[in-house]
Amino acid sequence: MKTFIYKPFIIVFISFFIQTINAQGPNWSVNTANYQYSMTFTAFLNINGTTLTASNDKVAAFVNGEIRGVSNVVFVENSNKYVTYLSVFANEDRENINFKIYNSTTQTVIDIDKSETFTIDGNIGGIFQSYSIANPQLNESAIFNYFNFSGISSLLLDISSDEINIVLPEGTDISSLTAIFDSSVNSKVFADGYLQESGSSVNDFTNPVIYKVISENEANLQEYTISVSLALNNNPTTVNISSTENLNTNSIPVSLDIIFSKVVFDLEASDFIVENAVITSLTTSNSRFYKATIIPLSQRNFSVQLPAGASLDVNNNQNEISNKIELSYDISKPIINTISIESDVDSWWFLVTFNEHVVNVDITDFELKGMASNELTISSVSEILSNQYRVNISNSNSEIGTISLQLQNNSDIKDLIGNSIALQKFESYFLNNEVLSTDSFTPSNKLFIAPNPTSGFIKITNKKEALEKIVVYNLNGKIVFEKKVNQQESIIDFKNYSSGIYFVKIITSQGSQTKKIIKKD
């Protein structure tokens, strides 16, 4: 019975003891007092491609199965790197050293298929380029397979064993280039001590830059001198002068954009040919795109042009002559030159002529004035020319008197530059609005006028009393015919009159009437 009681206890104890030993790692130690010589390794540990980083990870050095050195992994903060400082001891030079790694994560000991020869006071590896203790062994290649720059098409790319020469297009800013590269498997690339990442690391290549490619096992380091130059371009520099502002302006100063095809130097405001203006400022951020501020000297056209040879590019090429930008400075208000009355067989209208091209012209800009304007309306406004408009009139009243077309005080008519219309008063015209309608021409039962419309004669007949006087007016109120009569009939010859609308005033002892006559060809 005692045997069956204690056997389980012994098994549990042994199992617990073994687990404790494994958790703590192998009991590797060395008595340094037994040895008179030493050498050191600054190394990193790698298992299956993963660098060990736990503080309980360790490495041991063996000579003929005897432990000669042990060290744990430590973190070097200023280098952001995990290494181990391994000291190996011996009494003889050139002994063969083997290594074993303890991985605390998997609690396993791994034999390393790599050996090193003991050298008295030897020192192998450093923080930047450490000695590799790994299973399996890491790649030892350290070369650039490809090197170029993001977003730029190089004109020449030459990669040798230790140099890379690249020619970029003229005008490329080489002070801030993002390198794109491919190097040996799992290698690392450094520039000026900083780890480089393809497609994101930016450097100034105004002067040659030293890149270092370090192999995966850090045993090999290859330096490359990267030299970048710009292509020579012997083509002349072209220049274009433009403005985002209206070339016809009523405001100053005016801003001009001056764009060169290449970077140029020593450009000054005095280099430009300027007519009726002065350049008050000339600025640039990159010696290729310039901004000029210009002020006209008087109200009229002004211009700017850059002559050939005013500037040089980096290859001493002169600029070609630029375009000549012509502008106009105008602060004068547009005015109406004339307002006249026009007509045809069916209608009449005002013809309004301005002194220049105007915009925003519509019926809200005009109003009718005068005693004959009652119930007359402006039916529409149509453009004839850029400075001439037809103001159409519709009517239904029966009054005689004067009428005029005037501008509304709130008119928004402007010229192309934006100057508002000058308000003016315009002459009146004599009209009889009783006959301004284009309704049928049915005569009354007392007074007859026929034919109407006419191309020749008209006959006026009054059945009730004798005619005393006949007066004919044109649309402008001018008398074109006048005759005293003392009979009930009269004939008037219209053959020599222009086609259009006329007004015939017929006076009898009972008073007067005015009728509209249409003369046609």
Protein backbone atom coordinates (compact mmCIF):
# COMPACT_ATOMS: atom_id res chain seq x y z
CA MET A 1 0.00 0.00 0.00
CA LYS A 2 2.87 2.40 0.70
CA THR A 3 4.21 1.90 -2.79
CA PHE A 4 0.93 2.96 -4.35
CA ILE A 5 0.72 6.02 -2.11
CA TYR A 6 4.18 7.52 -2.90
CA LYS A 7 4.62 6.72 -6.59
CA PRO A 8 2.08 9.36 -7.78
CA PHE A 9 3.65 11.93 -5.49
CA ILE A 10 7.14 11.26 -6.91
CA ILE A 11 5.85 11.50 -10.51
CA VAL A 12 4.13 14.88 -9.84
CA PHE A 13 7.23 16.28 -8.15
CA ILE A 14 9.55 15.26 -10.98
CA SER A 15 7.16 16.77 -13.55
CA PHE A 16 6.97 20.08 -11.66
CA PHE A 17 10.77 20.16 -11.34
CA ILE A 18 11.27 19.66 -15.07
CA GLN A 19 8.75 22.42 -15.93
CA THR A 20 10.52 24.84 -13.58
CA ILE A 21 13.89 24.09 -15.17
CA ASN A 22 12.44 24.67 -18.68
CA ALA A 23 10.82 27.96 -17.67
CA GLN A 24 14.13 29.26 -16.40
CA GLY A 25 16.07 28.04 -19.45
CA PRO A 26 19.21 25.92 -19.61
CA ASN A 27 21.64 26.21 -16.73
CA TRP A 28 24.44 27.66 -18.86
CA SER A 29 27.38 29.16 -16.99
CA VAL A 30 31.16 29.55 -17.32
CA ASN A 31 33.93 30.08 -14.76
CA THR A 32 35.98 32.84 -16.36
CA ALA A 33 38.80 32.36 -13.84
CA ASN A 34 39.75 29.14 -15.61
CA TYR A 35 40.74 31.02 -18.78
CA GLN A 36 43.43 33.54 -19.59
CA TYR A 37 42.15 34.85 -22.96
CA SER A 38 38.90 36.26 -24.28
CA MET A 39 37.21 37.66 -27.36
CA THR A 40 33.86 39.46 -27.75
CA PHE A 41 30.87 39.33 -30.09
CA THR A 42 28.20 41.99 -30.54
CA ALA A 43 25.54 39.80 -32.11
CA PHE A 44 21.84 39.44 -32.83
CA LEU A 45 19.91 36.19 -32.52
CA ASN A 46 17.50 35.02 -35.21
CA ILE A 47 15.33 31.91 -35.40
CA ASN A 48 13.34 31.14 -38.53
CA GLY A 49 13.73 34.69 -39.79
CA THR A 50 12.61 36.35 -36.54
CA THR A 51 15.03 38.29 -34.37
CA LEU A 52 14.78 37.33 -30.69
CA THR A 53 13.84 40.21 -28.38
CA ALA A 54 12.97 38.70 -24.97
CA SER A 55 15.34 39.36 -22.09
CA ASN A 56 15.35 35.60 -21.25
CA ASP A 57 16.53 34.71 -24.77
CA LYS A 58 20.21 33.80 -24.64
CA VAL A 59 23.16 32.37 -26.55
CA ALA A 60 25.98 30.10 -25.40
CA ALA A 61 29.40 29.52 -26.98
CA PHE A 62 30.95 26.04 -26.88
CA VAL A 63 34.42 24.67 -27.56
CA ASN A 64 34.51 20.90 -27.84
CA GLY A 65 31.18 20.74 -25.98
CA GLU A 66 32.42 22.90 -23.11
CA ILE A 67 30.62 26.17 -22.37
CA ARG A 68 32.95 29.13 -22.94
CA GLY A 69 30.51 32.04 -22.83
CA VAL A 70 26.84 32.96 -22.15
CA SER A 71 24.84 36.19 -22.69
CA ASN A 72 21.21 37.39 -22.79
CA VAL A 73 19.45 39.66 -25.27
CA VAL A 74 19.35 43.37 -24.39
CA PHE A 75 17.68 46.36 -26.06
CA VAL A 76 19.88 49.25 -27.23
CA GLU A 77 17.49 52.18 -27.13
CA ASN A 78 19.50 54.78 -29.09
CA SER A 79 19.85 52.30 -31.97
CA ASN A 80 16.39 50.74 -31.60
CA LYS A 81 17.97 47.30 -31.82
CA TYR A 82 18.11 44.02 -29.86
CA VAL A 83 21.62 42.55 -29.48
CA THR A 84 23.62 40.35 -27.17
CA TYR A 85 27.11 41.09 -25.88
CA LEU A 86 28.82 37.68 -25.81
CA SER A 87 32.27 37.17 -24.26
CA VAL A 88 34.03 33.90 -25.16
CA PHE A 89 36.97 32.55 -23.12
CA ALA A 90 39.89 30.21 -23.98
CA ASN A 91 43.44 29.27 -23.09
CA GLU A 92 44.56 28.75 -26.66
CA ASP A 93 44.29 30.74 -29.85
CA ARG A 94 42.32 29.53 -32.92
CA GLU A 95 40.01 27.16 -31.12
CA ASN A 96 36.76 26.35 -32.97
CA ILE A 97 33.66 27.97 -31.43
CA ASN A 98 30.10 26.65 -31.85
CA PHE A 99 26.84 28.29 -30.72
CA LYS A 100 23.49 27.35 -29.24
CA ILE A 101 20.44 29.62 -28.80
CA TYR A 102 17.77 29.37 -26.15
CA ASN A 103 14.36 30.68 -27.32
CA SER A 104 12.45 31.54 -24.13
CA THR A 105 9.14 31.85 -25.99
CA THR A 106 9.17 28.27 -27.24
CA GLN A 107 11.47 27.06 -24.39
CA THR A 108 13.71 25.32 -26.87
CA VAL A 109 17.46 25.11 -27.42
CA ILE A 110 18.59 25.35 -31.03
CA ASP A 111 21.96 24.29 -32.40
CA ILE A 112 23.47 26.82 -34.79
CA ASP A 113 25.07 25.53 -37.96
CA LYS A 114 27.85 28.08 -37.85
CA SER A 115 31.27 28.24 -36.20
CA GLU A 116 33.85 30.89 -35.56
CA THR A 117 37.61 30.75 -34.83
CA PHE A 118 38.73 32.07 -31.46
CA THR A 119 41.10 35.03 -31.72
CA ILE A 120 42.85 36.34 -28.63
CA ASP A 121 41.40 39.79 -27.81
CA GLY A 122 39.28 39.56 -30.94
CA ASN A 123 36.16 41.72 -31.38
CA ILE A 124 33.51 40.78 -33.92
CA GLY A 125 30.40 42.85 -34.75
CA GLY A 126 29.05 46.17 -33.57
CA ILE A 127 25.73 47.85 -32.91
CA PHE A 128 25.17 48.93 -36.54
CA GLN A 129 26.64 45.84 -38.18
CA SER A 130 26.22 43.01 -35.71
CA TYR A 131 27.36 39.40 -35.87
CA SER A 132 24.57 37.06 -36.97
CA ILE A 133 23.82 33.94 -34.92
CA ALA A 134 20.84 32.40 -36.69
CA ASN A 135 19.07 29.23 -37.71
CA PRO A 136 18.65 28.93 -40.62
CA GLN A 137 21.51 31.11 -41.81
CA LEU A 138 20.50 34.53 -43.17
CA ASN A 139 21.11 36.02 -46.60
CA GLU A 140 24.55 37.57 -47.03
CA SER A 141 23.90 39.58 -50.24
CA ALA A 142 23.96 43.40 -50.10
CA ILE A 143 23.31 45.07 -53.46
CA PHE A 144 20.88 47.45 -55.15
CA ASN A 145 18.83 45.74 -57.84
CA TYR A 146 17.03 48.96 -58.81
CA PHE A 147 17.07 52.65 -57.86
CA ASN A 148 15.00 55.59 -59.11
CA PHE A 149 12.73 58.39 -57.92
CA SER A 150 8.99 58.58 -57.34
CA GLY A 151 6.92 60.47 -59.90
CA ILE A 152 9.88 61.27 -62.19
CA SER A 153 10.96 59.62 -65.42
CA SER A 154 14.74 59.52 -65.40
CA LEU A 155 16.51 60.20 -68.69
CA LEU A 156 19.52 58.07 -67.72
CA LEU A 157 20.02 55.41 -65.02
CA ASP A 158 23.37 53.66 -64.53
CA ILE A 159 23.94 51.28 -61.59
CA SER A 160 27.43 49.89 -60.98
CA SER A 161 28.93 48.01 -58.04
CA ASP A 162 29.32 51.14 -55.93
CA GLU A 163 27.83 54.05 -57.90
CA ILE A 164 24.44 55.05 -59.24
CA ASN A 165 24.25 57.92 -61.73
CA ILE A 166 20.85 59.35 -62.62
CA VAL A 167 20.00 62.14 -65.09
CA LEU A 168 16.62 63.84 -64.54
CA PRO A 169 14.71 66.27 -66.78
CA GLU A 170 15.73 69.90 -66.69
CA GLY A 171 13.89 71.93 -64.08
CA THR A 172 13.41 69.01 -61.66
CA ASP A 173 13.70 70.00 -58.01
CA ILE A 174 16.42 67.64 -56.76
CA SER A 175 16.47 69.07 -53.24
CA SER A 176 13.58 66.86 -52.17
CA LEU A 177 13.40 63.50 -53.94
CA THR A 178 11.68 60.31 -52.82
CA ALA A 179 13.73 57.25 -53.72
CA ILE A 180 12.21 54.01 -55.00
CA PHE A 181 14.58 51.07 -54.75
CA ASP A 182 14.89 47.31 -54.56
CA SER A 183 17.77 45.64 -52.70
CA SER A 184 18.84 42.13 -51.70
CA VAL A 185 16.36 39.90 -49.85
CA ASN A 186 15.67 41.22 -46.33
CA SER A 187 18.58 43.65 -46.56
CA LYS A 188 18.39 47.10 -44.98
CA VAL A 189 19.22 50.43 -46.59
CA PHE A 190 20.61 53.44 -44.71
CA ALA A 191 21.45 57.02 -45.67
CA ASP A 192 23.18 59.39 -43.29
CA GLY A 193 22.58 56.89 -40.49
CA TYR A 194 18.81 56.68 -41.03
CA LEU A 195 16.93 53.61 -42.18
CA GLN A 196 15.44 54.23 -45.63
CA GLU A 197 12.05 53.03 -46.84
CA SER A 198 11.39 52.76 -50.55
CA GLY A 199 8.69 55.19 -51.70
CA SER A 200 8.62 57.25 -48.50
CA SER A 201 12.11 58.39 -47.45
CA VAL A 202 13.02 61.84 -48.82
CA ASN A 203 16.55 63.21 -49.33
CA ASP A 204 18.33 66.20 -50.83
CA PHE A 205 20.34 65.15 -53.89
CA THR A 206 21.85 68.54 -54.65
CA ASN A 207 25.14 66.87 -53.75
CA PRO A 208 25.98 63.13 -54.00
CA VAL A 209 24.37 61.01 -51.26
CA ILE A 210 25.96 57.87 -49.75
CA TYR A 211 23.54 54.94 -49.41
CA LYS A 212 24.54 51.82 -47.46
CA VAL A 213 23.03 48.40 -48.15
CA ILE A 214 23.56 45.95 -45.29
CA SER A 215 22.84 42.26 -45.83
CA GLU A 216 20.23 40.34 -43.86
CA ASN A 217 22.95 38.67 -41.78
CA GLU A 218 24.70 42.06 -41.44
CA ALA A 219 27.99 40.45 -42.50
CA ASN A 220 28.25 42.51 -45.68
CA LEU A 221 27.79 46.22 -46.24
CA GLN A 222 27.95 47.87 -49.63
CA GLU A 223 28.18 51.63 -50.08
CA TYR A 224 26.70 53.35 -53.14
CA THR A 225 27.35 56.94 -54.15
CA ILE A 226 24.12 58.30 -55.65
CA SER A 227 24.78 61.21 -58.04
CA VAL A 228 21.88 63.12 -59.61
CA SER A 229 22.23 65.65 -62.43
CA LEU A 230 19.84 67.52 -64.70
CA ALA A 231 19.70 67.23 -68.47
CA LEU A 232 21.07 70.11 -70.48
CA ASN A 233 18.47 71.82 -72.65
CA ASN A 234 19.76 74.17 -75.32
CA ASN A 235 16.30 75.14 -76.54
CA PRO A 236 15.42 78.83 -76.09
CA THR A 237 13.19 79.71 -73.17
CA THR A 238 9.63 80.62 -74.13
CA VAL A 239 7.58 83.20 -72.23
CA ASN A 240 3.84 83.74 -71.95
CA ILE A 241 2.18 86.75 -70.31
CA SER A 242 -1.46 86.47 -69.29
CA SER A 243 -3.97 87.76 -66.78
CA THR A 244 -6.89 86.16 -64.98
CA GLU A 245 -8.52 89.59 -64.81
CA ASN A 246 -10.66 91.29 -67.47
CA LEU A 247 -8.41 92.76 -70.18
CA ASN A 248 -10.81 95.70 -70.26
CA THR A 249 -10.72 97.04 -66.74
CA ASN A 250 -11.87 99.96 -64.64
CA SER A 251 -9.87 98.97 -61.55
CA ILE A 252 -6.16 99.16 -60.76
CA PRO A 253 -3.61 97.75 -60.21
CA VAL A 254 -3.75 94.85 -62.68
CA SER A 255 -2.02 91.53 -61.92
CA LEU A 256 -0.15 89.68 -64.68
CA ASP A 257 1.10 86.07 -64.77
CA ILE A 258 4.46 85.60 -66.52
CA ILE A 259 5.35 81.95 -67.15
CA PHE A 260 8.72 80.77 -68.49
CA SER A 261 9.27 77.31 -69.95
CA LYS A 262 12.43 76.99 -67.82
CA VAL A 263 13.90 78.51 -64.70
CA VAL A 264 15.50 81.90 -65.45
CA PHE A 265 17.63 84.32 -63.49
CA ASP A 266 18.19 88.07 -63.12
CA LEU A 267 14.75 89.09 -64.42
CA GLU A 268 13.83 92.66 -63.47
CA ALA A 269 10.84 94.92 -64.04
CA SER A 270 13.00 97.19 -66.20
CA ASP A 271 13.50 94.32 -68.69
CA PHE A 272 9.90 94.63 -69.94
CA ILE A 273 8.58 96.85 -72.73
CA VAL A 274 5.67 98.71 -71.16
CA GLU A 275 3.35 101.17 -72.94
CA ASN A 276 1.18 103.69 -71.03
CA ALA A 277 1.80 101.89 -67.71
CA VAL A 278 4.39 101.11 -65.05
CA ILE A 279 5.28 97.80 -63.38
CA THR A 280 5.18 98.42 -59.64
CA SER A 281 6.25 94.94 -58.47
CA LEU A 282 7.72 91.70 -59.84
CA THR A 283 7.85 88.59 -57.64
CA THR A 284 8.53 84.87 -58.00
CA SER A 285 8.64 81.79 -55.79
CA ASN A 286 10.61 79.49 -58.09
CA SER A 287 12.23 81.69 -60.81
CA ARG A 288 9.87 80.23 -63.42
CA PHE A 289 6.44 81.58 -62.48
CA TYR A 290 6.41 85.36 -61.96
CA LYS A 291 3.74 87.79 -60.80
CA ALA A 292 3.79 91.40 -62.00
CA THR A 293 1.64 94.27 -60.75
CA ILE A 294 0.99 97.00 -63.32
CA ILE A 295 -0.73 100.40 -63.16
CA PRO A 296 -1.90 102.26 -66.31
CA LEU A 297 -0.86 105.89 -66.65
CA SER A 298 -4.04 107.10 -68.36
CA GLN A 299 -7.43 106.04 -69.68
CA ARG A 300 -6.69 104.14 -72.86
CA ASN A 301 -4.93 101.00 -74.03
CA PHE A 302 -1.77 99.81 -72.27
CA SER A 303 0.48 96.81 -72.94
CA VAL A 304 3.37 94.68 -71.63
CA GLN A 305 5.89 92.54 -73.51
CA LEU A 306 9.23 90.90 -72.69
CA PRO A 307 11.87 91.28 -75.43
CA ALA A 308 14.13 88.44 -76.51
CA GLY A 309 17.32 87.98 -74.51
CA ALA A 310 16.06 89.63 -71.33
CA SER A 311 16.88 86.58 -69.15
CA LEU A 312 19.06 83.45 -69.06
CA ASP A 313 18.31 79.90 -67.96
CA VAL A 314 20.75 77.59 -66.13
CA ASN A 315 22.32 76.61 -69.46
CA ASN A 316 22.76 80.27 -70.50
CA ASN A 317 19.98 80.04 -73.08
CA GLN A 318 18.21 83.33 -73.73
CA ASN A 319 14.46 83.74 -73.72
CA GLU A 320 12.47 84.26 -76.89
CA ILE A 321 10.27 87.33 -77.27
CA SER A 322 7.00 86.95 -75.37
CA ASN A 323 3.48 87.63 -76.52
CA LYS A 324 2.26 91.21 -76.18
CA ILE A 325 -0.62 91.47 -73.75
CA GLU A 326 -2.84 94.46 -74.47
CA LEU A 327 -5.31 95.82 -71.96
CA SER A 328 -7.66 98.77 -71.77
CA TYR A 329 -8.26 101.05 -68.80
CA ASP A 330 -11.63 102.81 -68.90
CA ILE A 331 -13.57 104.45 -66.10
CA SER A 332 -15.93 106.42 -68.39
CA LYS A 333 -19.63 105.64 -68.13
CA PRO A 334 -21.40 104.45 -71.28
CA ILE A 335 -23.95 106.88 -72.76
CA ILE A 336 -26.81 106.81 -75.24
CA ASN A 337 -25.82 108.57 -78.46
CA THR A 338 -29.23 108.68 -80.12
CA ILE A 339 -32.85 107.64 -79.70
CA SER A 340 -34.97 107.69 -82.85
CA ILE A 341 -38.40 106.43 -83.86
CA GLU A 342 -38.57 103.79 -86.58
CA SER A 343 -41.55 102.07 -88.18
CA ASP A 344 -42.79 99.60 -90.76
CA VAL A 345 -46.27 98.85 -92.08
CA ASP A 346 -47.29 97.03 -88.93
CA SER A 347 -45.55 98.67 -85.97
CA TRP A 348 -43.29 101.39 -84.65
CA TRP A 349 -40.44 101.38 -82.14
CA PHE A 350 -37.59 103.33 -80.61
CA LEU A 351 -34.08 102.63 -81.88
CA VAL A 352 -31.54 103.23 -79.08
CA THR A 353 -27.86 103.57 -80.00
CA PHE A 354 -25.14 103.56 -77.31
CA ASN A 355 -21.58 104.85 -77.67
CA GLU A 356 -20.09 101.39 -76.94
CA HIS A 357 -20.88 97.72 -76.35
CA VAL A 358 -23.30 97.41 -73.42
CA VAL A 359 -24.95 94.57 -71.50
CA ASN A 360 -27.95 94.02 -69.18
CA VAL A 361 -30.34 95.87 -71.52
CA ASP A 362 -34.02 94.94 -71.01
CA ILE A 363 -37.45 96.50 -70.59
CA THR A 364 -36.81 97.37 -66.93
CA ASP A 365 -34.18 99.91 -68.01
CA PHE A 366 -36.61 102.21 -69.88
CA GLU A 367 -39.81 104.16 -69.28
CA LEU A 368 -42.17 106.17 -71.48
CA LYS A 369 -42.78 109.85 -70.66
CA GLY A 370 -45.10 112.51 -72.07
CA MET A 371 -48.78 113.27 -72.40
CA ALA A 372 -49.21 110.75 -75.22
CA SER A 373 -47.71 107.89 -73.23
CA ASN A 374 -50.87 106.91 -71.37
CA GLU A 375 -51.50 103.19 -71.67
CA LEU A 376 -48.50 102.80 -73.99
CA THR A 377 -46.22 99.97 -72.89
CA ILE A 378 -42.79 98.67 -73.77
CA SER A 379 -43.51 95.19 -75.04
CA SER A 380 -39.95 93.97 -75.57
CA VAL A 381 -36.32 94.96 -76.10
CA SER A 382 -34.17 93.18 -78.67
CA GLU A 383 -30.50 93.52 -79.57
CA ILE A 384 -29.70 94.73 -83.10
CA LEU A 385 -25.97 95.31 -82.62
CA SER A 386 -23.74 95.14 -79.57
CA ASN A 387 -24.38 98.87 -79.05
CA GLN A 388 -27.87 99.17 -80.57
CA TYR A 389 -31.24 97.98 -79.29
CA ARG A 390 -34.83 98.05 -80.54
CA VAL A 391 -37.45 99.05 -77.93
CA ASN A 392 -40.81 97.77 -79.20
CA ILE A 393 -44.02 99.62 -78.27
CA SER A 394 -47.56 98.30 -77.92
CA ASN A 395 -50.44 100.76 -77.47
CA SER A 396 -54.20 101.15 -77.08
CA ASN A 397 -54.85 104.77 -76.06
CA SER A 398 -56.38 107.68 -77.98
CA GLU A 399 -54.41 110.76 -76.95
CA ILE A 400 -52.44 113.28 -78.98
CA GLY A 401 -49.24 114.79 -77.64
CA THR A 402 -45.55 114.27 -77.02
CA ILE A 403 -43.81 111.08 -76.03
CA SER A 404 -40.21 110.23 -75.13
CA LEU A 405 -38.20 107.19 -74.13
CA GLN A 406 -36.16 107.73 -70.97
CA LEU A 407 -33.78 105.67 -68.85
CA GLN A 408 -35.02 104.44 -65.48
CA ASN A 409 -33.06 105.86 -62.54
CA ASN A 410 -32.23 102.31 -61.39
CA SER A 411 -31.08 101.06 -64.80
CA ASP A 412 -28.39 98.36 -64.52
CA ILE A 413 -26.99 98.80 -68.03
CA LYS A 414 -23.18 98.54 -68.00
CA ASP A 415 -20.34 98.44 -70.48
CA LEU A 416 -18.06 95.41 -70.77
CA ILE A 417 -15.71 96.80 -68.14
CA GLY A 418 -18.52 97.24 -65.62
CA ASN A 419 -19.06 101.01 -65.74
CA SER A 420 -22.72 101.90 -65.14
CA ILE A 421 -24.75 103.84 -67.70
CA ALA A 422 -24.82 107.64 -67.39
CA LEU A 423 -28.37 108.91 -66.81
CA GLN A 424 -29.57 111.34 -69.50
CA LYS A 425 -32.75 113.08 -70.65
CA PHE A 426 -33.86 112.67 -74.26
CA GLU A 427 -35.98 114.69 -76.70
CA SER A 428 -39.71 114.15 -77.14
CA TYR A 429 -41.60 113.20 -80.29
CA PHE A 430 -45.09 114.29 -81.39
CA LEU A 431 -47.50 111.40 -81.74
CA ASN A 432 -51.21 110.83 -81.95
CA ASN A 433 -51.73 107.64 -80.07
CA GLU A 434 -55.30 107.29 -81.27
CA VAL A 435 -54.02 105.71 -84.46
CA LEU A 436 -50.97 103.95 -83.15
CA SER A 437 -52.93 100.75 -82.94
CA THR A 438 -52.57 98.22 -85.76
CA ASP A 439 -56.27 97.31 -85.57
CA SER A 440 -58.52 97.44 -88.71
CA PHE A 441 -58.82 100.73 -90.54
CA THR A 442 -62.63 100.86 -90.82
CA PRO A 443 -63.63 104.54 -91.40
CA SER A 444 -66.33 106.23 -89.39
CA ASN A 445 -69.69 106.98 -90.98
CA LYS A 446 -68.61 110.61 -91.49
CA LEU A 447 -64.94 110.52 -92.48
CA PHE A 448 -63.41 108.14 -95.05
CA ILE A 449 -59.73 107.66 -95.96
CA ALA A 450 -58.95 105.18 -98.71
CA PRO A 451 -57.03 103.24 -99.65
CA ASN A 452 -55.17 102.58 -96.39
CA PRO A 453 -52.51 101.19 -96.55
CA THR A 454 -51.56 102.97 -99.78
CA SER A 455 -48.69 102.95 -102.23
CA GLY A 456 -49.76 106.14 -104.03
CA PHE A 457 -52.74 108.44 -103.50
CA ILE A 458 -55.25 108.60 -100.68
CA LYS A 459 -58.70 110.11 -100.94
CA ILE A 460 -60.20 111.87 -97.92
CA THR A 461 -63.99 112.28 -97.89
CA ASN A 462 -66.18 113.90 -95.24
CA LYS A 463 -69.91 113.44 -95.87
CA LYS A 464 -71.14 115.95 -93.32
CA GLU A 465 -69.12 119.11 -93.80
CA ALA A 466 -66.33 120.55 -95.88
CA LEU A 467 -62.70 119.91 -95.17
CA GLU A 468 -60.78 123.03 -94.13
CA LYS A 469 -57.20 121.89 -93.69
CA ILE A 470 -55.13 118.70 -94.00
CA VAL A 471 -51.74 118.24 -92.25
CA VAL A 472 -49.51 115.13 -92.60
CA TYR A 473 -46.87 114.29 -89.93
CA ASN A 474 -44.17 111.64 -89.92
CA LEU A 475 -43.36 109.62 -86.78
CA ASN A 476 -40.92 112.25 -85.57
CA GLY A 477 -43.70 114.83 -85.52
CA LYS A 478 -42.38 116.70 -88.54
CA ILE A 479 -44.93 118.17 -90.97
CA VAL A 480 -44.37 116.65 -94.42
CA PHE A 481 -47.54 117.96 -96.10
CA GLU A 482 -49.97 120.79 -95.39
CA LYS A 483 -52.93 121.98 -97.49
CA LYS A 484 -55.94 124.25 -97.04
CA VAL A 485 -59.17 122.84 -98.44
CA ASN A 486 -62.73 124.10 -98.87
CA GLN A 487 -64.58 121.04 -100.09
CA GLN A 488 -65.71 117.64 -98.83
CA GLU A 489 -63.09 115.64 -100.74
CA SER A 490 -59.34 115.91 -101.19
CA ILE A 491 -56.59 113.74 -102.72
CA ILE A 492 -53.04 113.53 -101.32
CA ASP A 493 -50.14 112.01 -103.25
CA PHE A 494 -47.95 109.69 -101.09
CA LYS A 495 -45.89 108.26 -103.98
CA ASN A 496 -42.71 110.13 -103.06
CA TYR A 497 -42.93 109.39 -99.33
CA SER A 498 -40.88 106.66 -97.70
CA SER A 499 -42.73 103.58 -96.55
CA GLY A 500 -43.84 103.68 -92.95
CA ILE A 501 -46.41 105.25 -90.68
CA TYR A 502 -47.79 108.77 -91.12
CA PHE A 503 -50.45 110.75 -89.28
CA VAL A 504 -53.06 112.78 -91.17
CA LYS A 505 -54.72 115.56 -89.20
CA ILE A 506 -58.07 116.54 -90.77
CA ILE A 507 -59.57 119.86 -89.66
CA THR A 508 -63.22 120.79 -90.25
CA SER A 509 -65.56 123.34 -88.79
CA GLN A 510 -66.56 120.75 -86.22
CA GLY A 511 -63.00 120.19 -84.98
CA SER A 512 -60.16 117.84 -85.97
CA GLN A 513 -59.37 114.16 -86.19
CA THR A 514 -56.03 112.42 -86.66
CA LYS A 515 -55.77 109.15 -88.56
CA LYS A 516 -52.86 106.82 -89.13
CA ILE A 517 -51.84 106.14 -92.72
CA ILE A 518 -49.52 103.31 -93.69
CA LYS A 519 -47.41 103.95 -96.75
CA LYS A 520 -46.10 100.83 -98.42
CA ASP A 521 -43.81 100.35 -101.40
